[in-house]
Amino acid sequence: MAETPIQRISTEAPKVAGRFGDGLRRFFDGDIWYSFTRSPVTMVAGVVTLIYFVLALFGSWIAPHNPFDMASLNLLDSLLPPIWQEGGDARYPLGTDDQGRDMLSAIIYGSRVSLFIGFASVILAMVLGVGLGLISGFVGGTTDAIIMRIAEVQLSFPAILIALLINGIMRGVLKENVGMDVKQGDLAYTVLILSIGVSGWVQYARTVRGSTMVERGKEYVQAAYVIGIHPITIMWRHILPNVTGPVLVIATIHLAVAIITEATLSFLGVGVPPTEPSLGTLISIGNDYLLSGEWWITIFPGITLAVLVLAVNLLGDWLRDALNPKLR
């Protein structure tokens, strides 16, 4: 008698759970986990990064206030110092900004904005870079020359300048083509992700191109040609899995660069609007009050940004060494 769907699920579930458990055991017994546990600096960086992600994911429940809710703000509470200074308020442990927003809540929400834009732009840059690098290295010839010349031209300009240029172009294009029902904040997020992502694809493309040129001459690729597999299938199903090892390292380090770039654009006034601040916007707002004594508006977001970027960079450096077989 044939098995029912419920019987089939009950039979397959232990097998799936067993494979998952075996995978976890192999991971914890592997070189990468061993390297991670033997580096106290990396473990601290991992814990700090995890805290940032938890705050970003659950910020709306953790933050004491909602700094994006303009109806709940009170201008009478503006520019209050931290709780340990004279005039501080227990409701605002890190003080308030010029609009009466709680700095602690604004930093939590601002970290979420910065991480979201950073992650989205890294994914965009990775998709563009890996795709173009794979095509460039596999096809070669004129296609390779065109893609690499474009990459070299882009490398001749600072990344922040490229991001500013793309930011300006995209704002002009999108403002002419989007409907009036699109929020300015949503438009700003889209423009930032596009500008940072498009300005950061070159590293991925150059790395994947070099690896692809090595892989396409190996025997398994030649065997795939002989048995009649389509070149696109060879490229995406056979070569791609073997050239993406360094991409994870580049993406980790690029995340820190993307967060810094977003903060720089927001500081310059071309990032997210002041009503939905990121860490860069908070630093920019506080910069106007720094010389008048309201130091906490700039210092606390600046420290938060520096610690986040440092932790991600340390994880990226560790991952680069851990995945390098020559250093094992």
Foldseek 3Di string as FASTA:
>chain_A
DDDDPVRVCVVCVVVVVVVVVVVVVCVCVDLLVVLCVVDPLLVVLVVLLVVLVVLLVCVVVPALDALLPLVPWDQVQALQAAPPDPRHDPSQRHGHHNRRGRLVSLASLQSNLLLVLLVLLLVLLLVVQLVLLLCLQLVPDPSVVVVVVVLVVLVVDDLLVQLVVQLVVQVVVCVVPDDPVDDPQVSQSVSLSVSNNVSRNSVSNVQLSVQNNVVCPDDVNVVCVVVPDDSVCCSPPPRSVVRCLCVVLVSLLSSLVSSVSLLVCLLVPSHGDLSSHHLSVQLNSCVVCCVVPSVSSNPVSVVVSVSNSVSSNVNSVSSVLSSDPVND
